[in-house]
Amino acid sequence: MKLNLLKDMEAIAFKIGLRTTKTVISVFLCFLLDSMRTGGIPFYATIAAILCVQQDLKNSWTIAKNREVATIIGGLWGMLFLFLESRIIAFEPEILRQLVLSLMLIPIIHFSVMIHQPKATFLMCVVFLSVTVTHGGDNNPFLFAVNRILDTSMGIAVALVVNAIPFAKLKKGKKITEKEKL
């Protein structure tokens, strides 16, 4: 059986679509912007950018709104927990802390329902746990929480700007109307 390397390579070739291109550009811009600031973690900005680049700008705005609301609320709940833990009561042993963190998801989930943001619920919980579990022992976990919110906001903004650029029309050389620029 003779292998035809060129034919095999053609069989696995793929087309890079516009959404993929926009995602790659957004992620790189997040890395670039992060290199110009201190205290940030580009990981969170790039995640937000990946999630917010959608097939059209309307869907991007919907995802971006949910992501921003969830990040801010989850981050604030995380900061509240860390403040209470550092100033009022320390949860020892660690299993007690983990139980309290788990129980804290109840008011966070309830709060998301109260403010009519059910699509942001899971992200609120993820951000809360990200702040409290992975960075609760940091020298300044509050700074991490603030930077976490800023990183995500930056990724969202980058994705929205990149997704608003009409790459397909630019590639084809078509004239872009004022309405399409928005």
N, C-alpha and C. Protein backbone atom coordinates (compact mmCIF):
# COMPACT_ATOMS: atom_id res chain seq x y z
N MET A 1 0.84 -1.17 0.00
CA MET A 1 0.00 0.00 0.00
C MET A 1 0.89 1.24 0.00
N LYS A 2 0.75 2.04 -0.98
CA LYS A 2 1.58 3.22 -1.16
C LYS A 2 0.88 4.45 -0.56
N LEU A 3 1.62 5.20 0.22
CA LEU A 3 1.06 6.40 0.82
C LEU A 3 1.34 7.60 -0.08
N ASN A 4 0.34 8.39 -0.26
CA ASN A 4 0.49 9.60 -1.03
C ASN A 4 0.41 10.76 -0.03
N LEU A 5 1.57 11.25 0.38
CA LEU A 5 1.65 12.26 1.43
C LEU A 5 0.86 13.52 1.07
N LEU A 6 0.96 14.00 -0.15
CA LEU A 6 0.26 15.21 -0.55
C LEU A 6 -1.25 15.01 -0.45
N LYS A 7 -1.73 13.88 -0.90
CA LYS A 7 -3.16 13.61 -0.86
C LYS A 7 -3.63 13.50 0.59
N ASP A 8 -2.83 12.86 1.44
CA ASP A 8 -3.17 12.73 2.85
C ASP A 8 -3.23 14.11 3.51
N MET A 9 -2.30 14.99 3.16
CA MET A 9 -2.29 16.34 3.73
C MET A 9 -3.50 17.13 3.28
N GLU A 10 -3.92 16.96 2.04
CA GLU A 10 -5.11 17.65 1.55
C GLU A 10 -6.34 17.18 2.29
N ALA A 11 -6.37 15.92 2.65
CA ALA A 11 -7.53 15.36 3.34
C ALA A 11 -7.68 15.95 4.75
N ILE A 12 -6.57 16.34 5.37
CA ILE A 12 -6.66 16.89 6.72
C ILE A 12 -6.61 18.42 6.74
N ALA A 13 -6.49 19.04 5.58
CA ALA A 13 -6.47 20.50 5.50
C ALA A 13 -7.83 21.05 5.95
N PHE A 14 -7.82 22.22 6.53
CA PHE A 14 -9.06 22.82 6.97
C PHE A 14 -9.02 24.31 6.69
N LYS A 15 -10.20 24.90 6.64
CA LYS A 15 -10.34 26.32 6.39
C LYS A 15 -10.43 27.04 7.72
N ILE A 16 -9.70 28.10 7.85
CA ILE A 16 -9.79 28.92 9.06
C ILE A 16 -10.87 29.96 8.81
N GLY A 17 -11.93 29.87 9.59
CA GLY A 17 -13.08 30.75 9.42
C GLY A 17 -12.88 32.11 10.07
N LEU A 18 -13.85 32.98 9.84
CA LEU A 18 -13.79 34.35 10.33
C LEU A 18 -13.87 34.42 11.86
N ARG A 19 -14.73 33.59 12.44
CA ARG A 19 -14.84 33.59 13.90
C ARG A 19 -13.53 33.11 14.55
N THR A 20 -12.90 32.13 13.94
CA THR A 20 -11.60 31.66 14.44
C THR A 20 -10.57 32.77 14.36
N THR A 21 -10.55 33.45 13.24
CA THR A 21 -9.61 34.55 13.04
C THR A 21 -9.83 35.65 14.09
N LYS A 22 -11.10 36.02 14.29
CA LYS A 22 -11.41 37.05 15.28
C LYS A 22 -11.02 36.60 16.69
N THR A 23 -11.22 35.34 16.99
CA THR A 23 -10.86 34.82 18.31
C THR A 23 -9.36 34.91 18.52
N VAL A 24 -8.60 34.49 17.52
CA VAL A 24 -7.14 34.53 17.62
C VAL A 24 -6.64 35.97 17.79
N ILE A 25 -7.19 36.89 17.01
CA ILE A 25 -6.81 38.30 17.12
C ILE A 25 -7.15 38.83 18.51
N SER A 26 -8.33 38.51 19.00
CA SER A 26 -8.76 38.98 20.33
C SER A 26 -7.84 38.46 21.43
N VAL A 27 -7.51 37.19 21.37
CA VAL A 27 -6.64 36.60 22.39
C VAL A 27 -5.26 37.25 22.35
N PHE A 28 -4.71 37.43 21.14
CA PHE A 28 -3.40 38.06 21.05
C PHE A 28 -3.43 39.50 21.59
N LEU A 29 -4.49 40.24 21.27
CA LEU A 29 -4.61 41.60 21.79
C LEU A 29 -4.71 41.62 23.31
N CYS A 30 -5.36 40.63 23.89
CA CYS A 30 -5.42 40.52 25.35
C CYS A 30 -4.02 40.32 25.93
N PHE A 31 -3.25 39.43 25.30
CA PHE A 31 -1.87 39.23 25.75
C PHE A 31 -1.07 40.52 25.62
N LEU A 32 -1.25 41.21 24.50
CA LEU A 32 -0.52 42.45 24.25
C LEU A 32 -0.88 43.51 25.29
N LEU A 33 -2.17 43.71 25.53
CA LEU A 33 -2.60 44.70 26.52
C LEU A 33 -2.12 44.33 27.93
N ASP A 34 -2.16 43.05 28.25
CA ASP A 34 -1.72 42.62 29.56
C ASP A 34 -0.23 42.90 29.78
N SER A 35 0.54 42.81 28.71
CA SER A 35 1.98 43.06 28.84
C SER A 35 2.27 44.53 29.16
N MET A 36 1.28 45.40 28.99
CA MET A 36 1.45 46.82 29.26
C MET A 36 0.97 47.23 30.64
N ARG A 37 0.49 46.27 31.42
CA ARG A 37 0.01 46.61 32.77
C ARG A 37 0.61 45.65 33.79
N THR A 38 0.50 46.02 35.05
CA THR A 38 1.02 45.15 36.09
C THR A 38 -0.14 44.60 36.91
N GLY A 39 0.05 43.41 37.43
CA GLY A 39 -0.96 42.82 38.30
C GLY A 39 -2.02 41.99 37.61
N GLY A 40 -2.05 42.04 36.31
CA GLY A 40 -3.07 41.29 35.59
C GLY A 40 -2.64 39.86 35.32
N ILE A 41 -3.61 39.05 35.02
CA ILE A 41 -3.36 37.67 34.61
C ILE A 41 -4.07 37.50 33.27
N PRO A 42 -3.33 37.39 32.18
CA PRO A 42 -3.96 37.36 30.86
C PRO A 42 -4.91 36.19 30.66
N PHE A 43 -4.75 35.14 31.45
CA PHE A 43 -5.61 33.97 31.34
C PHE A 43 -7.09 34.36 31.40
N TYR A 44 -7.46 35.21 32.34
CA TYR A 44 -8.86 35.58 32.52
C TYR A 44 -9.36 36.47 31.38
N ALA A 45 -8.52 37.35 30.89
CA ALA A 45 -8.90 38.19 29.75
C ALA A 45 -9.09 37.34 28.49
N THR A 46 -8.20 36.38 28.29
CA THR A 46 -8.31 35.55 27.08
C THR A 46 -9.53 34.64 27.14
N ILE A 47 -9.87 34.12 28.32
CA ILE A 47 -11.08 33.32 28.44
C ILE A 47 -12.30 34.16 28.06
N ALA A 48 -12.37 35.36 28.61
CA ALA A 48 -13.51 36.24 28.31
C ALA A 48 -13.57 36.55 26.82
N ALA A 49 -12.43 36.81 26.21
CA ALA A 49 -12.41 37.11 24.78
C ALA A 49 -12.90 35.91 23.96
N ILE A 50 -12.43 34.73 24.31
CA ILE A 50 -12.84 33.52 23.59
C ILE A 50 -14.35 33.33 23.70
N LEU A 51 -14.88 33.51 24.89
CA LEU A 51 -16.32 33.32 25.09
C LEU A 51 -17.17 34.39 24.41
N CYS A 52 -16.64 35.60 24.31
CA CYS A 52 -17.44 36.72 23.79
C CYS A 52 -17.37 36.89 22.28
N VAL A 53 -16.41 36.29 21.62
CA VAL A 53 -16.40 36.35 20.15
C VAL A 53 -17.44 35.34 19.67
N GLN A 54 -18.51 35.85 19.13
CA GLN A 54 -19.61 35.02 18.67
C GLN A 54 -19.81 35.23 17.17
N GLN A 55 -20.80 34.52 16.61
CA GLN A 55 -21.02 34.58 15.17
C GLN A 55 -21.50 35.96 14.71
N ASP A 56 -22.09 36.74 15.61
CA ASP A 56 -22.48 38.10 15.26
C ASP A 56 -22.37 38.99 16.49
N LEU A 57 -22.44 40.29 16.25
CA LEU A 57 -22.23 41.26 17.32
C LEU A 57 -23.35 41.20 18.36
N LYS A 58 -24.56 40.92 17.93
CA LYS A 58 -25.69 40.85 18.87
C LYS A 58 -25.44 39.75 19.91
N ASN A 59 -25.06 38.58 19.46
CA ASN A 59 -24.76 37.49 20.39
C ASN A 59 -23.54 37.79 21.25
N SER A 60 -22.56 38.48 20.67
CA SER A 60 -21.39 38.88 21.45
C SER A 60 -21.79 39.79 22.60
N TRP A 61 -22.67 40.75 22.33
CA TRP A 61 -23.11 41.66 23.38
C TRP A 61 -23.87 40.92 24.48
N THR A 62 -24.69 39.95 24.09
CA THR A 62 -25.45 39.17 25.07
C THR A 62 -24.51 38.39 25.99
N ILE A 63 -23.55 37.69 25.38
CA ILE A 63 -22.57 36.92 26.16
C ILE A 63 -21.73 37.87 27.02
N ALA A 64 -21.33 39.00 26.44
CA ALA A 64 -20.49 39.96 27.17
C ALA A 64 -21.21 40.50 28.39
N LYS A 65 -22.48 40.84 28.23
CA LYS A 65 -23.25 41.37 29.37
C LYS A 65 -23.32 40.33 30.48
N ASN A 66 -23.66 39.10 30.14
CA ASN A 66 -23.74 38.04 31.15
C ASN A 66 -22.40 37.82 31.82
N ARG A 67 -21.36 37.82 31.03
CA ARG A 67 -20.01 37.58 31.56
C ARG A 67 -19.58 38.71 32.50
N GLU A 68 -19.84 39.94 32.10
CA GLU A 68 -19.44 41.10 32.92
C GLU A 68 -20.22 41.12 34.24
N VAL A 69 -21.53 40.96 34.15
CA VAL A 69 -22.36 40.95 35.36
C VAL A 69 -21.90 39.83 36.30
N ALA A 70 -21.71 38.65 35.75
CA ALA A 70 -21.31 37.50 36.57
C ALA A 70 -19.95 37.71 37.21
N THR A 71 -19.01 38.28 36.47
CA THR A 71 -17.67 38.50 37.00
C THR A 71 -17.69 39.52 38.13
N ILE A 72 -18.39 40.60 37.93
CA ILE A 72 -18.45 41.64 38.97
C ILE A 72 -19.13 41.10 40.22
N ILE A 73 -20.28 40.47 40.04
CA ILE A 73 -21.02 39.97 41.20
C ILE A 73 -20.26 38.85 41.90
N GLY A 74 -19.75 37.89 41.14
CA GLY A 74 -18.97 36.81 41.73
C GLY A 74 -17.73 37.32 42.44
N GLY A 75 -17.08 38.31 41.83
CA GLY A 75 -15.89 38.91 42.45
C GLY A 75 -16.23 39.65 43.74
N LEU A 76 -17.35 40.37 43.74
CA LEU A 76 -17.76 41.09 44.95
C LEU A 76 -18.13 40.12 46.08
N TRP A 77 -18.84 39.05 45.74
CA TRP A 77 -19.16 38.03 46.75
C TRP A 77 -17.87 37.42 47.29
N GLY A 78 -16.92 37.17 46.42
CA GLY A 78 -15.64 36.62 46.85
C GLY A 78 -14.90 37.56 47.78
N MET A 79 -14.90 38.86 47.44
CA MET A 79 -14.24 39.84 48.30
C MET A 79 -14.95 39.94 49.65
N LEU A 80 -16.29 39.87 49.64
CA LEU A 80 -17.04 39.91 50.89
C LEU A 80 -16.67 38.73 51.78
N PHE A 81 -16.62 37.54 51.19
CA PHE A 81 -16.24 36.36 51.97
C PHE A 81 -14.84 36.51 52.54
N LEU A 82 -13.90 36.94 51.73
CA LEU A 82 -12.52 37.09 52.20
C LEU A 82 -12.40 38.15 53.28
N PHE A 83 -13.18 39.22 53.15
CA PHE A 83 -13.19 40.26 54.18
C PHE A 83 -13.70 39.70 55.50
N LEU A 84 -14.84 39.00 55.44
CA LEU A 84 -15.41 38.41 56.66
C LEU A 84 -14.45 37.40 57.27
N GLU A 85 -13.83 36.62 56.43
CA GLU A 85 -12.90 35.60 56.91
C GLU A 85 -11.66 36.22 57.57
N SER A 86 -11.17 37.31 57.01
CA SER A 86 -9.95 37.91 57.56
C SER A 86 -10.22 38.83 58.75
N ARG A 87 -11.41 39.39 58.85
CA ARG A 87 -11.70 40.37 59.89
C ARG A 87 -12.60 39.84 61.02
N ILE A 88 -13.44 38.86 60.73
CA ILE A 88 -14.43 38.46 61.72
C ILE A 88 -14.25 37.02 62.20
N ILE A 89 -14.21 36.08 61.27
CA ILE A 89 -14.12 34.68 61.67
C ILE A 89 -13.27 33.89 60.69
N ALA A 90 -12.32 33.19 61.21
CA ALA A 90 -11.49 32.31 60.37
C ALA A 90 -12.12 30.91 60.42
N PHE A 91 -12.26 30.31 59.28
CA PHE A 91 -12.88 28.99 59.19
C PHE A 91 -11.81 27.91 59.23
N GLU A 92 -11.65 27.30 60.39
CA GLU A 92 -10.67 26.22 60.60
C GLU A 92 -11.40 25.02 61.16
N PRO A 93 -11.08 23.86 60.78
CA PRO A 93 -10.09 23.40 59.81
C PRO A 93 -10.55 23.67 58.38
N GLU A 94 -9.71 23.32 57.43
CA GLU A 94 -9.97 23.61 56.01
C GLU A 94 -11.28 23.00 55.53
N ILE A 95 -11.67 21.85 56.04
CA ILE A 95 -12.92 21.21 55.62
C ILE A 95 -14.12 22.08 56.02
N LEU A 96 -14.02 22.78 57.13
CA LEU A 96 -15.08 23.71 57.53
C LEU A 96 -15.14 24.89 56.54
N ARG A 97 -13.98 25.39 56.16
CA ARG A 97 -13.93 26.47 55.16
C ARG A 97 -14.56 26.02 53.86
N GLN A 98 -14.26 24.81 53.43
CA GLN A 98 -14.82 24.29 52.19
C GLN A 98 -16.34 24.12 52.29
N LEU A 99 -16.82 23.72 53.46
CA LEU A 99 -18.27 23.61 53.66
C LEU A 99 -18.92 24.99 53.56
N VAL A 100 -18.32 25.98 54.22
CA VAL A 100 -18.87 27.34 54.17
C VAL A 100 -18.84 27.88 52.74
N LEU A 101 -17.74 27.66 52.02
CA LEU A 101 -17.67 28.10 50.62
C LEU A 101 -18.78 27.45 49.80
N SER A 102 -19.00 26.17 50.01
CA SER A 102 -20.06 25.47 49.28
C SER A 102 -21.43 26.05 49.62
N LEU A 103 -21.67 26.32 50.90
CA LEU A 103 -22.95 26.89 51.32
C LEU A 103 -23.14 28.32 50.80
N MET A 104 -22.04 29.04 50.60
CA MET A 104 -22.12 30.41 50.07
C MET A 104 -22.69 30.45 48.66
N LEU A 105 -22.65 29.33 47.97
CA LEU A 105 -23.23 29.29 46.63
C LEU A 105 -24.74 29.49 46.68
N ILE A 106 -25.37 29.14 47.77
CA ILE A 106 -26.83 29.30 47.89
C ILE A 106 -27.24 30.77 47.76
N PRO A 107 -26.68 31.68 48.57
CA PRO A 107 -27.09 33.09 48.39
C PRO A 107 -26.66 33.67 47.04
N ILE A 108 -25.55 33.20 46.49
CA ILE A 108 -25.12 33.70 45.19
C ILE A 108 -26.12 33.29 44.12
N ILE A 109 -26.52 32.03 44.14
CA ILE A 109 -27.51 31.55 43.16
C ILE A 109 -28.84 32.27 43.36
N HIS A 110 -29.25 32.41 44.60
CA HIS A 110 -30.50 33.12 44.89
C HIS A 110 -30.43 34.58 44.42
N PHE A 111 -29.30 35.21 44.67
CA PHE A 111 -29.12 36.60 44.24
C PHE A 111 -29.24 36.73 42.72
N SER A 112 -28.66 35.79 41.98
CA SER A 112 -28.73 35.86 40.52
C SER A 112 -30.18 35.74 40.03
N VAL A 113 -30.97 34.95 40.73
CA VAL A 113 -32.39 34.82 40.38
C VAL A 113 -33.13 36.12 40.72
N MET A 114 -32.80 36.69 41.89
CA MET A 114 -33.45 37.94 42.31
C MET A 114 -33.21 39.08 41.33
N ILE A 115 -32.02 39.13 40.76
CA ILE A 115 -31.71 40.24 39.83
C ILE A 115 -31.98 39.84 38.37
N HIS A 116 -32.65 38.73 38.20
CA HIS A 116 -33.06 38.25 36.87
C HIS A 116 -31.87 38.02 35.93
N GLN A 117 -30.83 37.35 36.46
CA GLN A 117 -29.64 37.02 35.67
C GLN A 117 -29.36 35.52 35.75
N PRO A 118 -30.34 34.69 35.44
CA PRO A 118 -30.12 33.24 35.59
C PRO A 118 -29.04 32.68 34.66
N LYS A 119 -28.82 33.32 33.52
CA LYS A 119 -27.79 32.83 32.60
C LYS A 119 -26.38 33.13 33.12
N ALA A 120 -26.28 34.02 34.07
CA ALA A 120 -24.97 34.38 34.63
C ALA A 120 -24.67 33.63 35.92
N THR A 121 -25.61 32.82 36.38
CA THR A 121 -25.47 32.15 37.68
C THR A 121 -24.21 31.31 37.77
N PHE A 122 -23.99 30.44 36.80
CA PHE A 122 -22.83 29.54 36.90
C PHE A 122 -21.52 30.32 36.91
N LEU A 123 -21.45 31.40 36.13
CA LEU A 123 -20.22 32.19 36.11
C LEU A 123 -20.01 32.93 37.43
N MET A 124 -21.09 33.39 38.05
CA MET A 124 -20.96 34.03 39.36
C MET A 124 -20.31 33.06 40.34
N CYS A 125 -20.79 31.83 40.32
CA CYS A 125 -20.25 30.81 41.22
C CYS A 125 -18.79 30.50 40.90
N VAL A 126 -18.47 30.41 39.63
CA VAL A 126 -17.10 30.12 39.21
C VAL A 126 -16.15 31.24 39.66
N VAL A 127 -16.55 32.48 39.43
CA VAL A 127 -15.69 33.62 39.83
C VAL A 127 -15.55 33.66 41.35
N PHE A 128 -16.64 33.47 42.07
CA PHE A 128 -16.59 33.44 43.53
C PHE A 128 -15.57 32.40 44.00
N LEU A 129 -15.67 31.19 43.47
CA LEU A 129 -14.75 30.13 43.89
C LEU A 129 -13.32 30.40 43.41
N SER A 130 -13.19 31.01 42.24
CA SER A 130 -11.86 31.36 41.74
C SER A 130 -11.17 32.31 42.71
N VAL A 131 -11.91 33.28 43.19
CA VAL A 131 -11.35 34.27 44.10
C VAL A 131 -11.06 33.66 45.47
N THR A 132 -11.98 32.86 45.98
CA THR A 132 -11.86 32.39 47.36
C THR A 132 -11.04 31.11 47.52
N VAL A 133 -11.10 30.23 46.54
CA VAL A 133 -10.40 28.95 46.67
C VAL A 133 -8.96 29.05 46.20
N THR A 134 -8.76 29.59 45.02
CA THR A 134 -7.41 29.58 44.46
C THR A 134 -6.55 30.73 44.95
N HIS A 135 -7.16 31.79 45.48
CA HIS A 135 -6.35 32.95 45.87
C HIS A 135 -6.67 33.47 47.27
N GLY A 136 -7.43 32.71 48.05
CA GLY A 136 -7.76 33.13 49.41
C GLY A 136 -6.54 33.30 50.30
N GLY A 137 -5.49 32.54 50.04
CA GLY A 137 -4.27 32.62 50.85
C GLY A 137 -3.25 33.62 50.35
N ASP A 138 -3.55 34.32 49.28
CA ASP A 138 -2.61 35.32 48.75
C ASP A 138 -2.36 36.42 49.79
N ASN A 139 -1.26 37.13 49.62
CA ASN A 139 -0.98 38.27 50.49
C ASN A 139 -2.08 39.31 50.41
N ASN A 140 -2.61 39.51 49.20
CA ASN A 140 -3.68 40.48 49.01
C ASN A 140 -4.74 39.89 48.07
N PRO A 141 -5.63 39.06 48.61
CA PRO A 141 -6.64 38.44 47.76
C PRO A 141 -7.63 39.44 47.18
N PHE A 142 -7.79 40.58 47.86
CA PHE A 142 -8.69 41.61 47.35
C PHE A 142 -8.15 42.19 46.05
N LEU A 143 -6.84 42.38 46.00
CA LEU A 143 -6.21 42.87 44.78
C LEU A 143 -6.40 41.87 43.64
N PHE A 144 -6.28 40.58 43.97
CA PHE A 144 -6.53 39.56 42.95
C PHE A 144 -7.96 39.68 42.43
N ALA A 145 -8.92 39.84 43.33
CA ALA A 145 -10.33 39.92 42.91
C ALA A 145 -10.55 41.12 42.00
N VAL A 146 -9.98 42.25 42.37
CA VAL A 146 -10.13 43.45 41.52
C VAL A 146 -9.48 43.22 40.16
N ASN A 147 -8.27 42.66 40.16
CA ASN A 147 -7.59 42.39 38.88
C ASN A 147 -8.34 41.35 38.06
N ARG A 148 -8.95 40.40 38.72
CA ARG A 148 -9.74 39.38 38.03
C ARG A 148 -10.89 40.04 37.28
N ILE A 149 -11.56 40.98 37.93
CA ILE A 149 -12.66 41.72 37.30
C ILE A 149 -12.13 42.56 36.15
N LEU A 150 -11.01 43.25 36.37
CA LEU A 150 -10.43 44.10 35.31
C LEU A 150 -9.97 43.26 34.11
N ASP A 151 -9.32 42.13 34.39
CA ASP A 151 -8.86 41.26 33.29
C ASP A 151 -10.03 40.79 32.44
N THR A 152 -11.09 40.34 33.09
CA THR A 152 -12.26 39.87 32.35
C THR A 152 -12.89 41.00 31.56
N SER A 153 -13.00 42.17 32.17
CA SER A 153 -13.57 43.33 31.47
C SER A 153 -12.75 43.68 30.24
N MET A 154 -11.43 43.61 30.38
CA MET A 154 -10.56 43.90 29.24
C MET A 154 -10.79 42.89 28.12
N GLY A 155 -10.87 41.61 28.46
CA GLY A 155 -11.12 40.59 27.44
C GLY A 155 -12.45 40.79 26.74
N ILE A 156 -13.46 41.16 27.51
CA ILE A 156 -14.79 41.41 26.93
C ILE A 156 -14.71 42.59 25.96
N ALA A 157 -14.09 43.67 26.39
CA ALA A 157 -13.99 44.87 25.54
C ALA A 157 -13.23 44.56 24.25
N VAL A 158 -12.14 43.86 24.36
CA VAL A 158 -11.36 43.50 23.17
C VAL A 158 -12.20 42.67 22.21
N ALA A 159 -12.89 41.68 22.74
CA ALA A 159 -13.72 40.81 21.89
C ALA A 159 -14.81 41.60 21.18
N LEU A 160 -15.44 42.52 21.89
CA LEU A 160 -16.52 43.32 21.28
C LEU A 160 -15.98 44.21 20.17
N VAL A 161 -14.83 44.82 20.41
CA VAL A 161 -14.23 45.69 19.39
C VAL A 161 -13.84 44.87 18.16
N VAL A 162 -13.15 43.77 18.38
CA VAL A 162 -12.71 42.94 17.26
C VAL A 162 -13.90 42.36 16.51
N ASN A 163 -14.91 41.92 17.25
CA ASN A 163 -16.08 41.33 16.60
C ASN A 163 -16.89 42.36 15.83
N ALA A 164 -16.74 43.63 16.17
CA ALA A 164 -17.45 44.70 15.46
C ALA A 164 -16.79 45.05 14.12
N ILE A 165 -15.56 44.66 13.94
CA ILE A 165 -14.86 44.96 12.69
C ILE A 165 -15.41 44.06 11.58
N PRO A 166 -15.88 44.64 10.50
CA PRO A 166 -16.48 43.84 9.42
C PRO A 166 -15.40 43.22 8.51
N PHE A 167 -14.68 42.26 9.04
CA PHE A 167 -13.57 41.64 8.32
C PHE A 167 -13.99 41.09 6.94
N ALA A 168 -15.14 40.47 6.87
CA ALA A 168 -15.58 39.86 5.61
C ALA A 168 -15.71 40.91 4.52
N LYS A 169 -16.29 42.05 4.86
CA LYS A 169 -16.45 43.11 3.87
C LYS A 169 -15.12 43.77 3.53
N LEU A 170 -14.25 43.90 4.52
CA LEU A 170 -12.93 44.46 4.26
C LEU A 170 -12.15 43.57 3.31
N LYS A 171 -12.28 42.27 3.51
CA LYS A 171 -11.57 41.30 2.67
C LYS A 171 -12.06 41.36 1.22
N LYS A 172 -13.38 41.53 1.07
CA LYS A 172 -13.98 41.55 -0.27
C LYS A 172 -13.88 42.92 -0.92
N GLY A 173 -13.47 43.93 -0.15
CA GLY A 173 -13.32 45.27 -0.71
C GLY A 173 -14.64 46.01 -0.86
N LYS A 174 -15.68 45.57 -0.17
CA LYS A 174 -16.98 46.22 -0.26
C LYS A 174 -16.98 47.48 0.59
N LYS A 175 -17.83 48.44 0.16
CA LYS A 175 -17.96 49.67 0.92
C LYS A 175 -18.79 49.39 2.17
N ILE A 176 -18.35 49.93 3.29
CA ILE A 176 -19.02 49.73 4.56
C ILE A 176 -19.86 50.96 4.86
N THR A 177 -21.16 50.77 5.13
CA THR A 177 -22.03 51.89 5.43
C THR A 177 -21.81 52.35 6.87
N GLU A 178 -22.28 53.56 7.17
CA GLU A 178 -22.14 54.09 8.53
C GLU A 178 -22.85 53.20 9.54
N LYS A 179 -24.03 52.66 9.17
CA LYS A 179 -24.77 51.78 10.07
C LYS A 179 -23.98 50.52 10.40
N GLU A 180 -23.28 49.97 9.42
CA GLU A 180 -22.51 48.74 9.61
C GLU A 180 -21.27 48.97 10.48
N LYS A 181 -20.78 50.21 10.52
CA LYS A 181 -19.63 50.52 11.36
C LYS A 181 -19.98 50.39 12.83
N LEU A 182 -21.24 50.60 13.17
CA LEU A 182 -21.68 50.51 14.56
C LEU A 182 -21.80 49.07 14.89
